[in-house]
């Protein structure tokens, strides 16, 4: 009998907090550490991170899978396809009250390769990995 590694709980927790936000009338935000696999508008990333509104009014075709979060969102009126590795999500929370969940980012899970994908989304900035636990900032 072989022992398989258990599936990560992170994608399930992300979906649960997302659903709680939407059911409660809150706006779900995700904080993402940008890596070469992350396809987001790099001009909106700051210090290797980006905060995104993934609510139903801000996105279309949202798919929260076990490995990636995929959706279409508008930035300055232009529709952009987003691809966010679940491993790069540092937090999900409600904009209105800051309640949610933060996650440790596994530095080994955040890919160091994939330079071609980084070029497709614009100039890539190296991700900043502060020591310790991630912190949430309220953005108004």
C-alpha atoms as a PDB file:
ATOM      1  CA  UNK A   1       0.000   0.000   0.000  1.00  0.00           C
ATOM      2  CA  UNK A   2       1.396   3.381  -0.977  1.00  0.00           C
ATOM      3  CA  UNK A   3       0.719   6.488   1.024  1.00  0.00           C
ATOM      4  CA  UNK A   4      -0.155   9.502  -1.085  1.00  0.00           C
ATOM      5  CA  UNK A   5       0.348  13.051   0.063  1.00  0.00           C
ATOM      6  CA  UNK A   6      -2.968  14.626   1.084  1.00  0.00           C
ATOM      7  CA  UNK A   7      -4.477  17.270  -1.156  1.00  0.00           C
ATOM      8  CA  UNK A   8      -3.895  20.827   0.046  1.00  0.00           C
ATOM      9  CA  UNK A   9      -6.775  22.434   1.936  1.00  0.00           C
ATOM     10  CA  UNK A  10      -5.886  25.885   0.575  1.00  0.00           C
ATOM     11  CA  UNK A  11      -8.076  25.839  -2.583  1.00  0.00           C
ATOM     12  CA  UNK A  12     -11.040  24.625  -0.524  1.00  0.00           C
ATOM     13  CA  UNK A  13     -10.533  27.371   2.049  1.00  0.00           C
ATOM     14  CA  UNK A  14     -10.232  29.972  -0.720  1.00  0.00           C
ATOM     15  CA  UNK A  15     -13.544  28.848  -2.224  1.00  0.00           C
ATOM     16  CA  UNK A  16     -15.224  28.811   1.202  1.00  0.00           C
ATOM     17  CA  UNK A  17     -14.098  32.358   2.116  1.00  0.00           C
ATOM     18  CA  UNK A  18     -15.074  33.561  -1.367  1.00  0.00           C
ATOM     19  CA  UNK A  19     -18.553  32.062  -0.980  1.00  0.00           C
ATOM     20  CA  UNK A  20     -18.925  33.526   2.522  1.00  0.00           C
ATOM     21  CA  UNK A  21     -17.977  36.996   1.206  1.00  0.00           C
ATOM     22  CA  UNK A  22     -20.455  36.842  -1.666  1.00  0.00           C
ATOM     23  CA  UNK A  23     -23.271  35.397   0.493  1.00  0.00           C
ATOM     24  CA  UNK A  24     -22.693  38.142   3.083  1.00  0.00           C
ATOM     25  CA  UNK A  25     -22.733  40.936   0.498  1.00  0.00           C
ATOM     26  CA  UNK A  26     -18.988  41.631   0.890  1.00  0.00           C
ATOM     27  CA  UNK A  27     -16.385  42.150  -1.818  1.00  0.00           C
ATOM     28  CA  UNK A  28     -13.808  39.307  -1.936  1.00  0.00           C
ATOM     29  CA  UNK A  29     -10.227  40.466  -2.444  1.00  0.00           C
ATOM     30  CA  UNK A  30      -7.156  38.273  -2.930  1.00  0.00           C
ATOM     31  CA  UNK A  31      -3.584  39.275  -2.238  1.00  0.00           C
ATOM     32  CA  UNK A  32      -1.225  37.521  -4.638  1.00  0.00           C
ATOM     33  CA  UNK A  33       2.567  37.185  -4.654  1.00  0.00           C
ATOM     34  CA  UNK A  34       3.447  37.608  -8.315  1.00  0.00           C
ATOM     35  CA  UNK A  35       5.650  34.890  -9.761  1.00  0.00           C
ATOM     36  CA  UNK A  36       6.444  33.941 -13.369  1.00  0.00           C
ATOM     37  CA  UNK A  37       3.363  31.670 -13.555  1.00  0.00           C
ATOM     38  CA  UNK A  38       1.027  34.496 -12.477  1.00  0.00           C
ATOM     39  CA  UNK A  39      -0.701  36.243 -15.364  1.00  0.00           C
ATOM     40  CA  UNK A  40      -1.919  39.603 -14.139  1.00  0.00           C
ATOM     41  CA  UNK A  41      -1.426  43.171 -15.411  1.00  0.00           C
ATOM     42  CA  UNK A  42       2.064  43.816 -14.048  1.00  0.00           C
ATOM     43  CA  UNK A  43       1.553  47.589 -14.155  1.00  0.00           C
ATOM     44  CA  UNK A  44      -0.807  47.177 -11.171  1.00  0.00           C
ATOM     45  CA  UNK A  45       1.612  45.057  -9.100  1.00  0.00           C
ATOM     46  CA  UNK A  46       3.578  46.719  -6.312  1.00  0.00           C
ATOM     47  CA  UNK A  47       6.646  45.221  -4.653  1.00  0.00           C
ATOM     48  CA  UNK A  48       5.968  41.820  -6.224  1.00  0.00           C
ATOM     49  CA  UNK A  49       2.359  41.675  -4.997  1.00  0.00           C
ATOM     50  CA  UNK A  50      -1.045  42.541  -6.390  1.00  0.00           C
ATOM     51  CA  UNK A  51      -4.433  42.829  -4.680  1.00  0.00           C
ATOM     52  CA  UNK A  52      -7.413  41.895  -6.838  1.00  0.00           C
ATOM     53  CA  UNK A  53     -11.168  42.224  -6.477  1.00  0.00           C
ATOM     54  CA  UNK A  54     -12.506  38.808  -7.529  1.00  0.00           C
ATOM     55  CA  UNK A  55     -16.158  39.538  -6.768  1.00  0.00           C
ATOM     56  CA  UNK A  56     -18.925  38.686  -9.251  1.00  0.00           C
ATOM     57  CA  UNK A  57     -19.299  42.338 -10.296  1.00  0.00           C
ATOM     58  CA  UNK A  58     -15.569  42.699 -11.006  1.00  0.00           C
ATOM     59  CA  UNK A  59     -14.886  39.415 -12.805  1.00  0.00           C
ATOM     60  CA  UNK A  60     -16.449  37.117 -15.337  1.00  0.00           C
ATOM     61  CA  UNK A  61     -15.868  33.428 -16.027  1.00  0.00           C
ATOM     62  CA  UNK A  62     -14.387  32.946 -12.540  1.00  0.00           C
ATOM     63  CA  UNK A  63     -13.073  29.431 -11.999  1.00  0.00           C
ATOM     64  CA  UNK A  64     -11.483  28.640  -8.652  1.00  0.00           C
ATOM     65  CA  UNK A  65      -9.757  25.323  -9.240  1.00  0.00           C
ATOM     66  CA  UNK A  66      -7.388  23.365  -7.049  1.00  0.00           C
ATOM     67  CA  UNK A  67      -4.291  24.657  -8.859  1.00  0.00           C
ATOM     68  CA  UNK A  68      -5.303  27.987 -10.418  1.00  0.00           C
ATOM     69  CA  UNK A  69      -7.823  30.807 -10.124  1.00  0.00           C
ATOM     70  CA  UNK A  70      -8.871  31.889 -13.601  1.00  0.00           C
ATOM     71  CA  UNK A  71     -11.099  34.799 -14.620  1.00  0.00           C
ATOM     72  CA  UNK A  72     -11.516  37.810 -16.852  1.00  0.00           C
ATOM     73  CA  UNK A  73     -11.369  41.250 -15.240  1.00  0.00           C
ATOM     74  CA  UNK A  74     -11.326  44.812 -16.542  1.00  0.00           C
ATOM     75  CA  UNK A  75      -8.431  47.145 -15.861  1.00  0.00           C
ATOM     76  CA  UNK A  76      -8.963  50.730 -17.053  1.00  0.00           C
ATOM     77  CA  UNK A  77     -11.819  49.433 -19.218  1.00  0.00           C
ATOM     78  CA  UNK A  78      -9.739  46.730 -20.927  1.00  0.00           C
ATOM     79  CA  UNK A  79     -10.673  43.068 -20.371  1.00  0.00           C
ATOM     80  CA  UNK A  80      -7.704  40.963 -19.260  1.00  0.00           C
ATOM     81  CA  UNK A  81      -7.418  37.214 -18.711  1.00  0.00           C
ATOM     82  CA  UNK A  82      -6.016  36.418 -15.264  1.00  0.00           C
ATOM     83  CA  UNK A  83      -4.329  33.195 -14.182  1.00  0.00           C
ATOM     84  CA  UNK A  84      -3.349  32.997 -10.510  1.00  0.00           C
ATOM     85  CA  UNK A  85      -1.621  29.946  -9.044  1.00  0.00           C
ATOM     86  CA  UNK A  86      -3.295  28.942  -5.779  1.00  0.00           C
ATOM     87  CA  UNK A  87       0.184  28.599  -4.280  1.00  0.00           C
ATOM     88  CA  UNK A  88       0.765  32.346  -4.884  1.00  0.00           C
ATOM     89  CA  UNK A  89      -2.351  33.508  -2.963  1.00  0.00           C
ATOM     90  CA  UNK A  90      -1.216  35.122   0.297  1.00  0.00           C
ATOM     91  CA  UNK A  91      -4.702  36.064   1.551  1.00  0.00           C
ATOM     92  CA  UNK A  92      -8.405  36.265   0.779  1.00  0.00           C
ATOM     93  CA  UNK A  93     -10.590  38.699   2.692  1.00  0.00           C
ATOM     94  CA  UNK A  94     -13.663  40.912   2.628  1.00  0.00           C
ATOM     95  CA  UNK A  95     -12.837  44.469   1.593  1.00  0.00           C
ATOM     96  CA  UNK A  96     -15.498  45.932   3.860  1.00  0.00           C
ATOM     97  CA  UNK A  97     -14.298  44.495   7.186  1.00  0.00           C
ATOM     98  CA  UNK A  98     -10.951  42.788   6.511  1.00  0.00           C
ATOM     99  CA  UNK A  99     -12.216  39.396   7.730  1.00  0.00           C
ATOM    100  CA  UNK A 100     -10.758  36.454   5.880  1.00  0.00           C
ATOM    101  CA  UNK A 101      -7.727  34.225   5.931  1.00  0.00           C
ATOM    102  CA  UNK A 102      -4.033  34.608   5.205  1.00  0.00           C
ATOM    103  CA  UNK A 103      -1.663  31.874   4.133  1.00  0.00           C
ATOM    104  CA  UNK A 104       2.046  31.253   4.358  1.00  0.00           C
ATOM    105  CA  UNK A 105       3.610  31.308   0.933  1.00  0.00           C
ATOM    106  CA  UNK A 106       5.774  28.249   0.362  1.00  0.00           C
ATOM    107  CA  UNK A 107       8.881  29.656  -1.281  1.00  0.00           C
ATOM    108  CA  UNK A 108       9.513  26.277  -2.935  1.00  0.00           C
ATOM    109  CA  UNK A 109       5.987  26.225  -4.397  1.00  0.00           C
ATOM    110  CA  UNK A 110       6.296  29.687  -5.935  1.00  0.00           C
ATOM    111  CA  UNK A 111       7.927  28.940  -9.243  1.00  0.00           C
ATOM    112  CA  UNK A 112      11.304  30.398 -10.123  1.00  0.00           C
ATOM    113  CA  UNK A 113      11.046  29.371 -13.791  1.00  0.00           C
ATOM    114  CA  UNK A 114       8.667  30.302 -16.593  1.00  0.00           C
ATOM    115  CA  UNK A 115      10.415  33.398 -17.945  1.00  0.00           C
ATOM    116  CA  UNK A 116       8.423  33.206 -21.184  1.00  0.00           C
ATOM    117  CA  UNK A 117       5.119  33.594 -19.340  1.00  0.00           C
ATOM    118  CA  UNK A 118       6.445  36.586 -17.403  1.00  0.00           C
ATOM    119  CA  UNK A 119       7.305  38.322 -20.694  1.00  0.00           C
ATOM    120  CA  UNK A 120       3.748  37.809 -21.978  1.00  0.00           C
ATOM    121  CA  UNK A 121       2.235  39.881 -19.155  1.00  0.00           C
ATOM    122  CA  UNK A 122       4.759  42.708 -19.152  1.00  0.00           C
ATOM    123  CA  UNK A 123       7.995  43.445 -17.388  1.00  0.00           C
ATOM    124  CA  UNK A 124       8.367  41.127 -14.430  1.00  0.00           C
ATOM    125  CA  UNK A 125       9.565  42.407 -11.094  1.00  0.00           C
ATOM    126  CA  UNK A 126      11.212  39.915  -8.779  1.00  0.00           C
ATOM    127  CA  UNK A 127       8.793  38.911  -6.039  1.00  0.00           C
ATOM    128  CA  UNK A 128       9.556  40.263  -2.598  1.00  0.00           C
ATOM    129  CA  UNK A 129       9.353  37.578   0.077  1.00  0.00           C
ATOM    130  CA  UNK A 130       9.398  39.163   3.512  1.00  0.00           C
ATOM    131  CA  UNK A 131      10.264  36.870   6.392  1.00  0.00           C
ATOM    132  CA  UNK A 132       7.531  35.758   8.759  1.00  0.00           C
ATOM    133  CA  UNK A 133       3.810  35.668   8.239  1.00  0.00           C
ATOM    134  CA  UNK A 134       2.032  37.679   5.538  1.00  0.00           C
ATOM    135  CA  UNK A 135       0.281  40.826   6.659  1.00  0.00           C
ATOM    136  CA  UNK A 136      -2.905  42.354   5.327  1.00  0.00           C
ATOM    137  CA  UNK A 137      -3.166  45.985   4.336  1.00  0.00           C
ATOM    138  CA  UNK A 138      -6.532  47.682   4.024  1.00  0.00           C
ATOM    139  CA  UNK A 139      -6.720  49.527   0.722  1.00  0.00           C
ATOM    140  CA  UNK A 140      -9.244  52.312   0.421  1.00  0.00           C
END
